[in-house]
N, C-alpha and C. Protein backbone atom coordinates (compact mmCIF):
# COMPACT_ATOMS: atom_id res chain seq x y z
N MET A 1 35.64 76.15 129.09
CA MET A 1 36.41 77.40 129.86
C MET A 1 36.69 78.71 128.52
N SER A 2 36.12 80.09 129.69
CA SER A 2 36.02 80.68 128.88
C SER A 2 37.16 80.96 128.50
N ASN A 3 37.40 82.23 127.02
CA ASN A 3 38.42 82.88 126.98
C ASN A 3 38.14 84.68 126.92
N TYR A 4 39.57 85.17 127.33
CA TYR A 4 39.65 86.56 127.28
C TYR A 4 41.34 87.16 127.39
N GLU A 5 41.42 88.26 127.04
CA GLU A 5 42.74 88.76 126.86
C GLU A 5 43.14 89.26 127.85
N HIS A 6 44.22 89.39 127.81
CA HIS A 6 45.46 90.20 129.22
C HIS A 6 46.34 91.16 128.64
N ILE A 7 46.25 92.17 129.39
CA ILE A 7 47.01 93.18 128.30
C ILE A 7 48.02 93.81 129.31
N SER A 8 49.15 94.20 128.84
CA SER A 8 50.20 94.45 130.40
C SER A 8 49.92 96.14 130.81
N PRO A 9 50.22 96.80 132.12
CA PRO A 9 50.44 98.21 132.31
C PRO A 9 50.39 98.67 131.47
N GLY A 10 51.85 98.71 131.00
CA GLY A 10 52.24 99.80 130.02
C GLY A 10 51.64 99.90 128.75
N GLU A 11 51.39 98.54 127.93
CA GLU A 11 50.65 98.87 126.74
C GLU A 11 49.08 99.26 126.26
N PHE A 12 48.03 98.96 127.85
CA PHE A 12 47.07 99.77 128.23
C PHE A 12 47.36 101.08 128.40
N LEU A 13 48.69 101.60 129.09
CA LEU A 13 48.55 102.77 129.54
C LEU A 13 49.13 103.71 127.62
N ARG A 14 49.44 103.14 127.41
CA ARG A 14 50.09 103.43 125.64
C ARG A 14 49.25 103.52 124.92
N LEU A 15 47.97 102.68 125.33
CA LEU A 15 46.80 103.14 124.21
C LEU A 15 45.70 104.22 124.64
N TYR A 16 45.86 104.32 126.58
CA TYR A 16 44.93 104.89 126.86
C TYR A 16 45.71 106.91 127.03
N ASP A 17 46.81 106.92 126.66
CA ASP A 17 47.69 107.83 126.43
C ASP A 17 47.24 108.73 125.11
N ARG A 18 46.96 107.28 124.30
CA ARG A 18 47.05 107.42 123.13
C ARG A 18 45.86 108.34 122.06
N GLY A 19 44.55 107.87 123.17
CA GLY A 19 43.13 107.97 123.03
C GLY A 19 42.53 106.83 122.45
N GLU A 20 43.10 105.54 122.11
CA GLU A 20 43.13 104.51 121.72
C GLU A 20 41.79 103.82 122.28
N LEU A 21 41.87 103.69 123.47
CA LEU A 21 40.71 102.88 124.12
C LEU A 21 39.24 103.73 124.06
N LYS A 22 39.05 104.71 123.35
CA LYS A 22 37.76 105.58 123.14
C LYS A 22 36.56 104.38 122.88
N ASN A 23 37.04 104.06 121.71
CA ASN A 23 35.96 102.84 121.53
C ASN A 23 35.71 101.98 122.12
N GLY A 24 36.31 101.32 123.55
CA GLY A 24 35.90 100.20 124.01
C GLY A 24 35.91 101.18 125.03
N LEU A 25 35.54 99.96 126.57
CA LEU A 25 34.87 100.61 127.61
C LEU A 25 35.76 100.41 128.81
N VAL A 26 36.35 100.85 129.74
CA VAL A 26 37.16 100.72 130.53
C VAL A 26 36.22 100.50 131.96
N ILE A 27 36.10 99.40 132.45
CA ILE A 27 35.37 99.64 134.02
C ILE A 27 36.44 99.16 134.58
N ASP A 28 36.08 99.44 136.19
CA ASP A 28 36.90 99.68 137.03
C ASP A 28 35.70 98.39 138.57
N VAL A 29 36.48 97.57 138.57
CA VAL A 29 35.26 96.90 139.68
C VAL A 29 35.63 96.55 140.81
N ARG A 30 36.41 97.61 141.67
CA ARG A 30 37.21 98.02 142.92
C ARG A 30 35.97 98.73 143.70
N GLU A 31 35.75 98.90 144.62
CA GLU A 31 34.63 99.63 145.73
C GLU A 31 35.15 100.96 145.34
N PRO A 32 34.44 101.69 145.88
CA PRO A 32 33.79 103.04 145.65
C PRO A 32 35.33 103.85 146.41
N PHE A 33 35.15 103.33 147.77
CA PHE A 33 36.35 104.51 148.16
C PHE A 33 38.10 104.03 147.84
N GLU A 34 37.96 103.08 146.98
CA GLU A 34 39.27 102.49 146.30
C GLU A 34 39.28 103.78 144.96
N TRP A 35 38.02 104.01 144.64
CA TRP A 35 37.81 104.50 142.84
C TRP A 35 38.60 105.90 143.39
N ASP A 36 37.55 106.40 144.64
CA ASP A 36 38.00 107.73 145.09
C ASP A 36 39.56 108.40 145.46
N TYR A 37 39.85 106.93 146.34
CA TYR A 37 41.90 106.99 146.35
C TYR A 37 42.65 107.26 144.96
N TYR A 38 42.47 106.43 143.83
CA TYR A 38 42.91 106.96 142.26
C TYR A 38 42.12 106.00 141.51
N HIS A 39 42.11 106.34 140.50
CA HIS A 39 41.11 106.12 139.09
C HIS A 39 42.01 107.19 137.73
N LEU A 40 41.21 106.31 136.54
CA LEU A 40 42.08 107.05 135.30
C LEU A 40 40.82 107.53 134.94
N ASP A 41 40.81 109.32 134.57
CA ASP A 41 39.59 109.82 133.85
C ASP A 41 38.98 108.98 132.93
N GLY A 42 37.80 108.92 132.68
CA GLY A 42 37.01 108.37 131.40
C GLY A 42 36.92 106.42 131.62
N THR A 43 37.12 106.29 132.73
CA THR A 43 36.79 104.71 133.57
C THR A 43 35.51 104.82 134.03
N THR A 44 35.26 104.29 134.20
CA THR A 44 33.49 103.52 135.19
C THR A 44 33.59 102.73 135.87
N LEU A 45 32.85 103.49 137.27
CA LEU A 45 32.92 102.49 138.08
C LEU A 45 32.11 101.34 138.29
N MET A 46 32.29 100.36 138.95
CA MET A 46 31.19 99.22 138.72
C MET A 46 31.65 98.11 139.74
N PRO A 47 31.54 98.12 140.67
CA PRO A 47 32.44 97.18 141.51
C PRO A 47 31.85 95.44 141.04
N LEU A 48 32.93 95.02 141.55
CA LEU A 48 32.59 93.63 141.14
C LEU A 48 31.46 93.02 141.65
N GLN A 49 30.88 92.82 142.63
CA GLN A 49 29.36 92.38 143.00
C GLN A 49 28.26 92.66 141.94
N THR A 50 28.54 94.00 141.80
CA THR A 50 27.42 94.69 140.63
C THR A 50 26.96 94.16 138.78
N ILE A 51 28.52 93.20 139.33
CA ILE A 51 28.74 92.99 137.02
C ILE A 51 26.89 92.19 136.96
N PRO A 52 27.10 91.01 138.16
CA PRO A 52 25.67 90.62 137.45
C PRO A 52 24.48 90.80 137.05
N ALA A 53 24.07 92.07 137.56
CA ALA A 53 23.23 92.81 137.16
C ALA A 53 23.50 94.21 136.66
N SER A 54 24.37 94.57 136.54
CA SER A 54 24.83 95.20 135.22
C SER A 54 25.06 95.02 133.93
N LEU A 55 24.42 93.45 133.61
CA LEU A 55 25.10 93.11 132.05
C LEU A 55 24.57 93.70 131.29
N GLY A 56 23.27 94.40 131.48
CA GLY A 56 22.22 94.87 130.13
C GLY A 56 23.01 96.75 130.09
N ARG A 57 23.96 97.05 130.85
CA ARG A 57 24.62 98.20 130.65
C ARG A 57 25.66 97.98 130.09
N LEU A 58 25.77 96.63 129.95
CA LEU A 58 27.99 96.58 129.22
C LEU A 58 27.44 96.19 127.46
N PRO A 59 27.95 96.92 126.92
CA PRO A 59 28.06 96.33 125.25
C PRO A 59 28.30 95.54 125.11
N SER A 60 27.75 94.44 123.89
CA SER A 60 28.87 93.06 123.93
C SER A 60 29.57 93.92 122.67
N ASP A 61 29.10 94.70 121.52
CA ASP A 61 29.96 94.92 120.06
C ASP A 61 31.06 95.95 120.37
N ARG A 62 32.03 96.20 121.93
CA ARG A 62 33.00 96.84 122.19
C ARG A 62 33.92 96.39 122.52
N LYS A 63 34.85 96.47 122.95
CA LYS A 63 35.90 95.92 123.69
C LYS A 63 35.85 96.25 124.88
N ILE A 64 35.86 95.64 126.45
CA ILE A 64 36.34 95.91 127.98
C ILE A 64 36.94 95.50 128.43
N TYR A 65 37.56 96.85 128.78
CA TYR A 65 38.82 96.40 129.65
C TYR A 65 38.57 96.19 130.66
N VAL A 66 39.48 95.60 131.66
CA VAL A 66 38.80 95.39 133.10
C VAL A 66 40.06 95.41 134.19
N VAL A 67 40.11 96.34 134.96
CA VAL A 67 40.89 96.90 136.02
C VAL A 67 40.50 96.80 137.30
N CYS A 68 41.08 96.13 138.15
CA CYS A 68 40.95 96.79 139.71
C CYS A 68 42.11 97.29 140.48
N ALA A 69 42.22 96.50 141.70
CA ALA A 69 42.81 96.89 142.28
C ALA A 69 44.74 96.37 142.31
N HIS A 70 44.21 95.26 142.14
CA HIS A 70 45.89 94.31 141.65
C HIS A 70 46.04 92.89 140.84
N GLY A 71 44.40 93.41 140.49
CA GLY A 71 44.42 92.13 139.01
C GLY A 71 43.64 90.59 138.98
N VAL A 72 43.33 91.18 140.56
CA VAL A 72 42.85 89.53 141.10
C VAL A 72 41.16 89.89 140.56
N ARG A 73 40.55 90.84 140.95
CA ARG A 73 38.87 90.46 141.07
C ARG A 73 38.63 91.00 139.24
N SER A 74 40.22 91.55 139.05
CA SER A 74 39.44 91.74 137.20
C SER A 74 39.48 90.34 136.69
N GLU A 75 40.51 89.63 137.44
CA GLU A 75 40.08 88.43 136.27
C GLU A 75 38.50 87.68 136.64
N TYR A 76 38.18 87.79 137.74
CA TYR A 76 37.06 87.11 138.14
C TYR A 76 36.19 87.77 136.97
N ALA A 77 36.13 89.22 137.06
CA ALA A 77 35.20 90.17 136.45
C ALA A 77 35.18 89.77 134.78
N CYS A 78 36.37 88.99 134.28
CA CYS A 78 37.04 88.91 133.02
C CYS A 78 35.87 87.78 132.76
N ARG A 79 36.71 86.56 133.62
CA ARG A 79 36.40 85.29 133.48
C ARG A 79 34.11 85.04 133.16
N TYR A 80 33.83 86.03 134.46
CA TYR A 80 32.50 86.10 134.61
C TYR A 80 31.88 86.66 132.50
N LEU A 81 32.40 87.74 132.27
CA LEU A 81 31.89 88.06 131.28
C LEU A 81 31.75 87.77 129.89
N ALA A 82 33.10 87.26 130.09
CA ALA A 82 33.20 85.63 129.24
C ALA A 82 32.10 84.23 129.46
N GLU A 83 31.97 84.30 130.25
CA GLU A 83 31.41 83.06 130.27
C GLU A 83 29.60 83.35 130.30
N GLN A 84 29.27 84.46 130.34
CA GLN A 84 28.28 85.12 129.55
C GLN A 84 27.87 85.57 128.70
N GLY A 85 29.15 85.28 127.55
CA GLY A 85 28.97 85.65 126.42
C GLY A 85 29.76 86.58 125.63
N TYR A 86 30.40 87.35 126.18
CA TYR A 86 30.84 88.98 125.80
C TYR A 86 32.17 87.88 125.46
N GLU A 87 32.81 88.59 124.06
CA GLU A 87 33.74 87.90 123.69
C GLU A 87 34.93 89.07 123.51
N ASP A 88 34.37 90.12 123.65
CA ASP A 88 36.20 90.76 123.50
C ASP A 88 36.18 91.55 124.84
N VAL A 89 36.99 90.76 126.06
CA VAL A 89 37.17 91.56 127.19
C VAL A 89 39.22 91.12 127.73
N VAL A 90 39.46 92.11 128.20
CA VAL A 90 40.88 92.58 128.85
C VAL A 90 40.67 92.71 129.90
N ASN A 91 41.62 91.61 130.55
CA ASN A 91 42.15 91.97 132.37
C ASN A 91 43.23 92.79 132.03
N VAL A 92 43.22 93.86 132.52
CA VAL A 92 44.55 94.44 132.95
C VAL A 92 45.55 93.68 133.85
N ILE A 93 46.82 93.58 133.58
CA ILE A 93 47.52 92.91 134.85
C ILE A 93 48.08 93.81 135.56
N GLY A 94 47.64 93.28 136.97
CA GLY A 94 48.47 94.23 138.02
C GLY A 94 47.56 95.61 138.66
N GLY A 95 46.56 95.51 137.47
CA GLY A 95 45.66 96.37 138.33
C GLY A 95 46.17 98.02 138.83
N MET A 96 45.27 98.52 139.13
CA MET A 96 45.52 100.14 139.33
C MET A 96 47.01 100.11 139.71
N ALA A 97 47.58 99.20 140.98
CA ALA A 97 48.25 99.46 141.57
C ALA A 97 49.66 99.37 140.60
N ALA A 98 49.70 98.81 139.43
CA ALA A 98 51.11 98.56 138.47
C ALA A 98 50.39 99.70 137.37
N LEU A 99 49.22 100.17 137.37
CA LEU A 99 49.26 101.53 136.81
C LEU A 99 49.83 102.96 137.34
N ALA A 100 49.59 102.93 138.11
CA ALA A 100 49.68 104.04 139.36
C ALA A 100 51.22 103.92 139.18
N ALA A 101 51.76 102.68 139.62
CA ALA A 101 53.34 102.65 139.55
C ALA A 101 54.10 103.16 138.78
N ALA A 102 53.61 102.58 136.93
CA ALA A 102 53.79 103.24 136.08
C ALA A 102 54.14 104.77 135.76
N ARG A 103 53.10 105.52 136.60
CA ARG A 103 53.31 106.84 136.43
C ARG A 103 53.14 107.35 137.56
N GLY A 104 54.77 106.82 138.39
CA GLY A 104 54.94 107.42 139.20
C GLY A 104 54.44 107.47 140.63
N PHE A 105 53.19 107.11 140.93
CA PHE A 105 52.07 107.13 142.22
C PHE A 105 52.69 105.67 142.86
N ALA A 106 52.76 105.97 144.17
CA ALA A 106 52.88 104.42 145.21
C ALA A 106 51.12 104.47 145.20
N TYR A 107 50.64 103.77 144.92
CA TYR A 107 49.08 103.02 144.91
C TYR A 107 49.03 102.66 146.68
N ASP A 108 50.09 101.30 147.10
CA ASP A 108 49.63 100.83 148.03
C ASP A 108 50.65 101.32 149.37
């Protein structure tokens, strides 16, 4: 069984707002049209189906935070990355919908 962490939307935004994610990488595994609708500055768009072909671009020495719309695709991505040997992977619970709601924006 692969291991990865989970982070609450509130904790993720606290780290994001304080600039404490700069040493990590935040990837957004949604589709481009979802990204265009709403995303956080400084995140990297990498749709879920592109993850296998993008492994060479992902650093193995940095924490990788993964976000999607509601937390389902990011869960799949985290599981896959952990299975590929990435040891510091974090799923953002609730995805962009939860992050947007915490910011006062109705995502859905």
